[in-house]
Amino acid sequence: SLSDAVPFGRLRVRLKREIITMRRPAI
């Protein structure tokens, strides 16, 4: 999608347990 300005203030590259948290490890 397009915008006139960058809608983020900074760059973050993070390590997490899940990329979307459900807390159902069987999935």
PDB file of all heavy atoms in Angstrom:
ATOM      1  N   SER A   1       0.867  -1.181   0.000  1.00  0.00           N
ATOM      2  CA  SER A   1       0.000   0.000   0.000  1.00  0.00           C
ATOM      3  C   SER A   1       0.897   1.221   0.000  1.00  0.00           C
ATOM      4  O   SER A   1       2.092   1.130   0.299  1.00  0.00           O
ATOM      5  CB  SER A   1      -0.940  -0.004   1.217  1.00  0.00           C
ATOM      6  OG  SER A   1      -0.200  -0.071   2.421  1.00  0.00           O
ATOM      7  N   LEU A   2       0.336   2.372  -0.336  1.00  0.00           N
ATOM      8  CA  LEU A   2       1.127   3.593  -0.520  1.00  0.00           C
ATOM      9  C   LEU A   2       0.775   4.650   0.518  1.00  0.00           C
ATOM     10  O   LEU A   2      -0.341   4.689   1.033  1.00  0.00           O
ATOM     11  CB  LEU A   2       0.900   4.165  -1.925  1.00  0.00           C
ATOM     12  CG  LEU A   2       1.244   3.243  -3.104  1.00  0.00           C
ATOM     13  CD1 LEU A   2       0.876   3.928  -4.413  1.00  0.00           C
ATOM     14  CD2 LEU A   2       2.715   2.864  -3.093  1.00  0.00           C
ATOM     15  N   SER A   3       1.741   5.506   0.806  1.00  0.00           N
ATOM     16  CA  SER A   3       1.499   6.652   1.675  1.00  0.00           C
ATOM     17  C   SER A   3       2.466   7.771   1.299  1.00  0.00           C
ATOM     18  O   SER A   3       3.442   7.554   0.576  1.00  0.00           O
ATOM     19  CB  SER A   3       1.657   6.269   3.149  1.00  0.00           C
ATOM     20  OG  SER A   3       2.960   5.808   3.420  1.00  0.00           O
ATOM     21  N   ASP A   4       2.187   8.969   1.803  1.00  0.00           N
ATOM     22  CA  ASP A   4       3.054  10.113   1.528  1.00  0.00           C
ATOM     23  C   ASP A   4       4.295  10.118   2.402  1.00  0.00           C
ATOM     24  O   ASP A   4       5.319  10.707   2.038  1.00  0.00           O
ATOM     25  CB  ASP A   4       2.289  11.422   1.752  1.00  0.00           C
ATOM     26  CG  ASP A   4       1.255  11.683   0.654  1.00  0.00           C
ATOM     27  OD1 ASP A   4       1.573  11.410  -0.514  1.00  0.00           O
ATOM     28  OD2 ASP A   4       0.154  12.148   0.970  1.00  0.00           O
ATOM     29  N   ALA A   5       4.191   9.502   3.575  1.00  0.00           N
ATOM     30  CA  ALA A   5       5.297   9.519   4.518  1.00  0.00           C
ATOM     31  C   ALA A   5       5.509   8.122   5.100  1.00  0.00           C
ATOM     32  O   ALA A   5       4.603   7.286   5.076  1.00  0.00           O
ATOM     33  CB  ALA A   5       5.012  10.512   5.648  1.00  0.00           C
ATOM     34  N   VAL A   6       6.697   7.873   5.603  1.00  0.00           N
ATOM     35  CA  VAL A   6       6.995   6.598   6.259  1.00  0.00           C
ATOM     36  C   VAL A   6       6.256   6.557   7.598  1.00  0.00           C
ATOM     37  O   VAL A   6       6.450   7.447   8.431  1.00  0.00           O
ATOM     38  CB  VAL A   6       8.513   6.445   6.496  1.00  0.00           C
ATOM     39  CG1 VAL A   6       8.802   5.196   7.330  1.00  0.00           C
ATOM     40  CG2 VAL A   6       9.253   6.384   5.163  1.00  0.00           C
ATOM     41  N   PRO A   7       5.398   5.564   7.814  1.00  0.00           N
ATOM     42  CA  PRO A   7       4.584   5.539   9.029  1.00  0.00           C
ATOM     43  C   PRO A   7       5.248   4.855  10.230  1.00  0.00           C
ATOM     44  O   PRO A   7       4.576   4.487  11.183  1.00  0.00           O
ATOM     45  CB  PRO A   7       3.339   4.766   8.594  1.00  0.00           C
ATOM     46  CG  PRO A   7       3.853   3.792   7.593  1.00  0.00           C
ATOM     47  CD  PRO A   7       4.983   4.492   6.876  1.00  0.00           C
ATOM     48  N   PHE A   8       6.557   4.661  10.168  1.00  0.00           N
ATOM     49  CA  PHE A   8       7.307   4.063  11.272  1.00  0.00           C
ATOM     50  C   PHE A   8       8.385   5.028  11.734  1.00  0.00           C
ATOM     51  O   PHE A   8       8.988   5.735  10.917  1.00  0.00           O
ATOM     52  CB  PHE A   8       7.981   2.750  10.843  1.00  0.00           C
ATOM     53  CG  PHE A   8       7.028   1.691  10.372  1.00  0.00           C
ATOM     54  CD1 PHE A   8       6.837   1.469   9.019  1.00  0.00           C
ATOM     55  CD2 PHE A   8       6.334   0.908  11.280  1.00  0.00           C
ATOM     56  CE1 PHE A   8       5.968   0.487   8.567  1.00  0.00           C
ATOM     57  CE2 PHE A   8       5.457  -0.082  10.841  1.00  0.00           C
ATOM     58  CZ  PHE A   8       5.275  -0.283   9.486  1.00  0.00           C
ATOM     59  N   GLY A   9       8.635   5.039  13.023  1.00  0.00           N
ATOM     60  CA  GLY A   9       9.651   5.939  13.560  1.00  0.00           C
ATOM     61  C   GLY A   9      11.055   5.379  13.539  1.00  0.00           C
ATOM     62  O   GLY A   9      12.035   6.128  13.594  1.00  0.00           O
ATOM     63  N   ARG A  10      11.184   4.041  13.466  1.00  0.00           N
ATOM     64  CA  ARG A  10      12.508   3.431  13.521  1.00  0.00           C
ATOM     65  C   ARG A  10      12.448   2.027  12.950  1.00  0.00           C
ATOM     66  O   ARG A  10      11.383   1.544  12.553  1.00  0.00           O
ATOM     67  CB  ARG A  10      13.026   3.392  14.949  1.00  0.00           C
ATOM     68  CG  ARG A  10      12.161   2.583  15.919  1.00  0.00           C
ATOM     69  CD  ARG A  10      12.589   2.821  17.357  1.00  0.00           C
ATOM     70  NE  ARG A  10      11.727   2.148  18.312  1.00  0.00           N
ATOM     71  CZ  ARG A  10      12.098   1.124  19.073  1.00  0.00           C
ATOM     72  NH1 ARG A  10      13.315   0.622  18.956  1.00  0.00           N
ATOM     73  NH2 ARG A  10      11.263   0.586  19.948  1.00  0.00           N
ATOM     74  N   LEU A  11      13.587   1.369  12.934  1.00  0.00           N
ATOM     75  CA  LEU A  11      13.701  -0.011  12.470  1.00  0.00           C
ATOM     76  C   LEU A  11      13.880  -0.928  13.674  1.00  0.00           C
ATOM     77  O   LEU A  11      14.691  -0.657  14.562  1.00  0.00           O
ATOM     78  CB  LEU A  11      14.908  -0.156  11.533  1.00  0.00           C
ATOM     79  CG  LEU A  11      15.291  -1.589  11.126  1.00  0.00           C
ATOM     80  CD1 LEU A  11      14.220  -2.211  10.253  1.00  0.00           C
ATOM     81  CD2 LEU A  11      16.651  -1.592  10.425  1.00  0.00           C
ATOM     82  N   ARG A  12      13.116  -2.012  13.702  1.00  0.00           N
ATOM     83  CA  ARG A  12      13.265  -3.030  14.738  1.00  0.00           C
ATOM     84  C   ARG A  12      13.274  -4.405  14.091  1.00  0.00           C
ATOM     85  O   ARG A  12      12.412  -4.693  13.264  1.00  0.00           O
ATOM     86  CB  ARG A  12      12.129  -2.961  15.766  1.00  0.00           C
ATOM     87  CG  ARG A  12      12.032  -1.659  16.529  1.00  0.00           C
ATOM     88  CD  ARG A  12      11.019  -1.763  17.651  1.00  0.00           C
ATOM     89  NE  ARG A  12       9.696  -2.138  17.159  1.00  0.00           N
ATOM     90  CZ  ARG A  12       8.688  -2.506  17.932  1.00  0.00           C
ATOM     91  NH1 ARG A  12       8.844  -2.601  19.243  1.00  0.00           N
ATOM     92  NH2 ARG A  12       7.514  -2.799  17.415  1.00  0.00           N
ATOM     93  N   VAL A  13      14.220  -5.232  14.459  1.00  0.00           N
ATOM     94  CA  VAL A  13      14.242  -6.634  14.044  1.00  0.00           C
ATOM     95  C   VAL A  13      14.347  -7.441  15.335  1.00  0.00           C
ATOM     96  O   VAL A  13      15.385  -7.435  16.007  1.00  0.00           O
ATOM     97  CB  VAL A  13      15.413  -6.951  13.099  1.00  0.00           C
ATOM     98  CG1 VAL A  13      15.333  -8.409  12.636  1.00  0.00           C
ATOM     99  CG2 VAL A  13      15.397  -6.018  11.891  1.00  0.00           C
ATOM    100  N   ARG A  14      13.263  -8.112  15.696  1.00  0.00           N
ATOM    101  CA  ARG A  14      13.142  -8.719  17.021  1.00  0.00           C
ATOM    102  C   ARG A  14      13.029 -10.238  16.943  1.00  0.00           C
ATOM    103  O   ARG A  14      12.402 -10.782  16.030  1.00  0.00           O
ATOM    104  CB  ARG A  14      11.907  -8.163  17.745  1.00  0.00           C
ATOM    105  CG  ARG A  14      11.923  -6.672  17.963  1.00  0.00           C
ATOM    106  CD  ARG A  14      10.621  -6.206  18.589  1.00  0.00           C
ATOM    107  NE  ARG A  14      10.337  -6.908  19.839  1.00  0.00           N
ATOM    108  CZ  ARG A  14       9.136  -6.961  20.408  1.00  0.00           C
ATOM    109  NH1 ARG A  14       8.106  -6.367  19.837  1.00  0.00           N
ATOM    110  NH2 ARG A  14       8.969  -7.620  21.540  1.00  0.00           N
ATOM    111  N   LEU A  15      13.590 -10.905  17.940  1.00  0.00           N
ATOM    112  CA  LEU A  15      13.435 -12.343  18.103  1.00  0.00           C
ATOM    113  C   LEU A  15      12.319 -12.594  19.114  1.00  0.00           C
ATOM    114  O   LEU A  15      12.296 -11.981  20.187  1.00  0.00           O
ATOM    115  CB  LEU A  15      14.736 -12.978  18.600  1.00  0.00           C
ATOM    116  CG  LEU A  15      15.975 -12.780  17.720  1.00  0.00           C
ATOM    117  CD1 LEU A  15      17.141 -13.562  18.298  1.00  0.00           C
ATOM    118  CD2 LEU A  15      15.709 -13.198  16.278  1.00  0.00           C
ATOM    119  N   LYS A  16      11.408 -13.497  18.782  1.00  0.00           N
ATOM    120  CA  LYS A  16      10.271 -13.788  19.651  1.00  0.00           C
ATOM    121  C   LYS A  16      10.037 -15.301  19.706  1.00  0.00           C
ATOM    122  O   LYS A  16      10.562 -16.059  18.884  1.00  0.00           O
ATOM    123  CB  LYS A  16       9.001 -13.080  19.137  1.00  0.00           C
ATOM    124  CG  LYS A  16       9.091 -11.561  19.117  1.00  0.00           C
ATOM    125  CD  LYS A  16       7.735 -10.952  18.834  1.00  0.00           C
ATOM    126  CE  LYS A  16       6.769 -11.198  19.974  1.00  0.00           C
ATOM    127  NZ  LYS A  16       5.432 -10.620  19.730  1.00  0.00           N
ATOM    128  N   ARG A  17       9.202 -15.717  20.653  1.00  0.00           N
ATOM    129  CA  ARG A  17       8.837 -17.131  20.736  1.00  0.00           C
ATOM    130  C   ARG A  17       7.870 -17.516  19.625  1.00  0.00           C
ATOM    131  O   ARG A  17       7.883 -18.649  19.134  1.00  0.00           O
ATOM    132  CB  ARG A  17       8.211 -17.425  22.095  1.00  0.00           C
ATOM    133  CG  ARG A  17       9.183 -17.321  23.259  1.00  0.00           C
ATOM    134  CD  ARG A  17       8.513 -17.678  24.557  1.00  0.00           C
ATOM    135  NE  ARG A  17       9.447 -17.605  25.691  1.00  0.00           N
ATOM    136  CZ  ARG A  17       9.118 -17.863  26.946  1.00  0.00           C
ATOM    137  NH1 ARG A  17       7.877 -18.222  27.245  1.00  0.00           N
ATOM    138  NH2 ARG A  17      10.022 -17.772  27.898  1.00  0.00           N
ATOM    139  N   GLU A  18       6.963 -16.598  19.244  1.00  0.00           N
ATOM    140  CA  GLU A  18       5.997 -16.812  18.169  1.00  0.00           C
ATOM    141  C   GLU A  18       5.895 -15.519  17.365  1.00  0.00           C
ATOM    142  O   GLU A  18       5.984 -14.427  17.939  1.00  0.00           O
ATOM    143  CB  GLU A  18       4.604 -17.146  18.719  1.00  0.00           C
ATOM    144  CG  GLU A  18       4.513 -18.394  19.554  1.00  0.00           C
ATOM    145  CD  GLU A  18       3.117 -18.579  20.141  1.00  0.00           C
ATOM    146  OE1 GLU A  18       2.205 -19.005  19.408  1.00  0.00           O
ATOM    147  OE2 GLU A  18       2.932 -18.276  21.335  1.00  0.00           O
ATOM    148  N   ILE A  19       5.678 -15.634  16.071  1.00  0.00           N
ATOM    149  CA  ILE A  19       5.492 -14.417  15.281  1.00  0.00           C
ATOM    150  C   ILE A  19       4.075 -13.873  15.433  1.00  0.00           C
ATOM    151  O   ILE A  19       3.814 -12.710  15.136  1.00  0.00           O
ATOM    152  CB  ILE A  19       5.838 -14.626  13.788  1.00  0.00           C
ATOM    153  CG1 ILE A  19       5.068 -15.806  13.178  1.00  0.00           C
ATOM    154  CG2 ILE A  19       7.332 -14.778  13.601  1.00  0.00           C
ATOM    155  CD1 ILE A  19       5.271 -15.942  11.683  1.00  0.00           C
ATOM    156  N   ILE A  20       3.156 -14.710  15.885  1.00  0.00           N
ATOM    157  CA  ILE A  20       1.834 -14.256  16.313  1.00  0.00           C
ATOM    158  C   ILE A  20       1.468 -15.105  17.518  1.00  0.00           C
ATOM    159  O   ILE A  20       1.411 -16.326  17.435  1.00  0.00           O
ATOM    160  CB  ILE A  20       0.770 -14.325  15.186  1.00  0.00           C
ATOM    161  CG1 ILE A  20      -0.565 -13.787  15.685  1.00  0.00           C
ATOM    162  CG2 ILE A  20       0.643 -15.715  14.629  1.00  0.00           C
ATOM    163  CD1 ILE A  20      -0.562 -12.304  16.019  1.00  0.00           C
ATOM    164  N   THR A  21       1.264 -14.456  18.650  1.00  0.00           N
ATOM    165  CA  THR A  21       1.174 -15.174  19.918  1.00  0.00           C
ATOM    166  C   THR A  21      -0.206 -15.767  20.151  1.00  0.00           C
ATOM    167  O   THR A  21      -1.197 -15.045  20.229  1.00  0.00           O
ATOM    168  CB  THR A  21       1.532 -14.242  21.087  1.00  0.00           C
ATOM    169  OG1 THR A  21       2.847 -13.717  20.873  1.00  0.00           O
ATOM    170  CG2 THR A  21       1.504 -14.998  22.409  1.00  0.00           C
ATOM    171  N   MET A  22      -0.263 -17.093  20.249  1.00  0.00           N
ATOM    172  CA  MET A  22      -1.491 -17.787  20.617  1.00  0.00           C
ATOM    173  C   MET A  22      -1.293 -18.626  21.883  1.00  0.00           C
ATOM    174  O   MET A  22      -2.242 -18.967  22.568  1.00  0.00           O
ATOM    175  CB  MET A  22      -1.985 -18.679  19.464  1.00  0.00           C
ATOM    176  CG  MET A  22      -3.294 -19.395  19.751  1.00  0.00           C
ATOM    177  SD  MET A  22      -3.765 -20.587  18.463  1.00  0.00           S
ATOM    178  CE  MET A  22      -4.936 -19.623  17.534  1.00  0.00           C
ATOM    179  N   ARG A  23      -0.045 -18.968  22.146  1.00  0.00           N
ATOM    180  CA  ARG A  23       0.304 -19.803  23.306  1.00  0.00           C
ATOM    181  C   ARG A  23      -0.338 -21.180  23.217  1.00  0.00           C
ATOM    182  O   ARG A  23      -0.862 -21.705  24.192  1.00  0.00           O
ATOM    183  CB  ARG A  23      -0.073 -19.102  24.617  1.00  0.00           C
ATOM    184  CG  ARG A  23       0.678 -17.799  24.839  1.00  0.00           C
ATOM    185  CD  ARG A  23       0.445 -17.195  26.195  1.00  0.00           C
ATOM    186  NE  ARG A  23       1.125 -15.900  26.282  1.00  0.00           N
ATOM    187  CZ  ARG A  23       0.570 -14.813  26.806  1.00  0.00           C
ATOM    188  NH1 ARG A  23      -0.664 -14.854  27.298  1.00  0.00           N
ATOM    189  NH2 ARG A  23       1.241 -13.688  26.859  1.00  0.00           N
ATOM    190  N   ARG A  24      -0.319 -21.728  22.021  1.00  0.00           N
ATOM    191  CA  ARG A  24      -0.758 -23.092  21.793  1.00  0.00           C
ATOM    192  C   ARG A  24       0.369 -23.812  21.051  1.00  0.00           C
ATOM    193  O   ARG A  24       0.374 -23.881  19.823  1.00  0.00           O
ATOM    194  CB  ARG A  24      -2.057 -23.141  20.975  1.00  0.00           C
ATOM    195  CG  ARG A  24      -3.299 -22.728  21.733  1.00  0.00           C
ATOM    196  CD  ARG A  24      -3.615 -23.722  22.847  1.00  0.00           C
ATOM    197  NE  ARG A  24      -4.918 -23.494  23.452  1.00  0.00           N
ATOM    198  CZ  ARG A  24      -5.175 -22.641  24.426  1.00  0.00           C
ATOM    199  NH1 ARG A  24      -4.201 -21.884  24.907  1.00  0.00           N
ATOM    200  NH2 ARG A  24      -6.385 -22.528  24.944  1.00  0.00           N
ATOM    201  N   PRO A  25       1.382 -24.310  21.756  1.00  0.00           N
ATOM    202  CA  PRO A  25       2.573 -24.862  21.093  1.00  0.00           C
ATOM    203  C   PRO A  25       2.289 -26.054  20.199  1.00  0.00           C
ATOM    204  O   PRO A  25       3.101 -26.390  19.339  1.00  0.00           O
ATOM    205  CB  PRO A  25       3.490 -25.242  22.267  1.00  0.00           C
ATOM    206  CG  PRO A  25       2.589 -25.341  23.456  1.00  0.00           C
ATOM    207  CD  PRO A  25       1.484 -24.352  23.221  1.00  0.00           C
ATOM    208  N   ALA A  26       1.141 -26.701  20.379  1.00  0.00           N
ATOM    209  CA  ALA A  26       0.812 -27.834  19.511  1.00  0.00           C
ATOM    210  C   ALA A  26       0.487 -27.391  18.094  1.00  0.00           C
ATOM    211  O   ALA A  26       0.544 -28.182  17.150  1.00  0.00           O
ATOM    212  CB  ALA A  26      -0.366 -28.618  20.089  1.00  0.00           C
ATOM    213  N   ILE A  27       0.132 -26.135  17.917  1.00  0.00           N
ATOM    214  CA  ILE A  27      -0.156 -25.603  16.584  1.00  0.00           C
ATOM    215  C   ILE A  27       1.171 -25.320  15.897  1.00  0.00           C
ATOM    216  O   ILE A  27       1.950 -24.488  16.353  1.00  0.00           O
ATOM    217  CB  ILE A  27      -0.971 -24.299  16.679  1.00  0.00           C
ATOM    218  CG1 ILE A  27      -2.213 -24.515  17.519  1.00  0.00           C
ATOM    219  CG2 ILE A  27      -1.289 -23.778  15.290  1.00  0.00           C
ATOM    220  CD1 ILE A  27      -3.418 -24.910  16.794  1.00  0.00           C
TER     221      ILE A  27
END
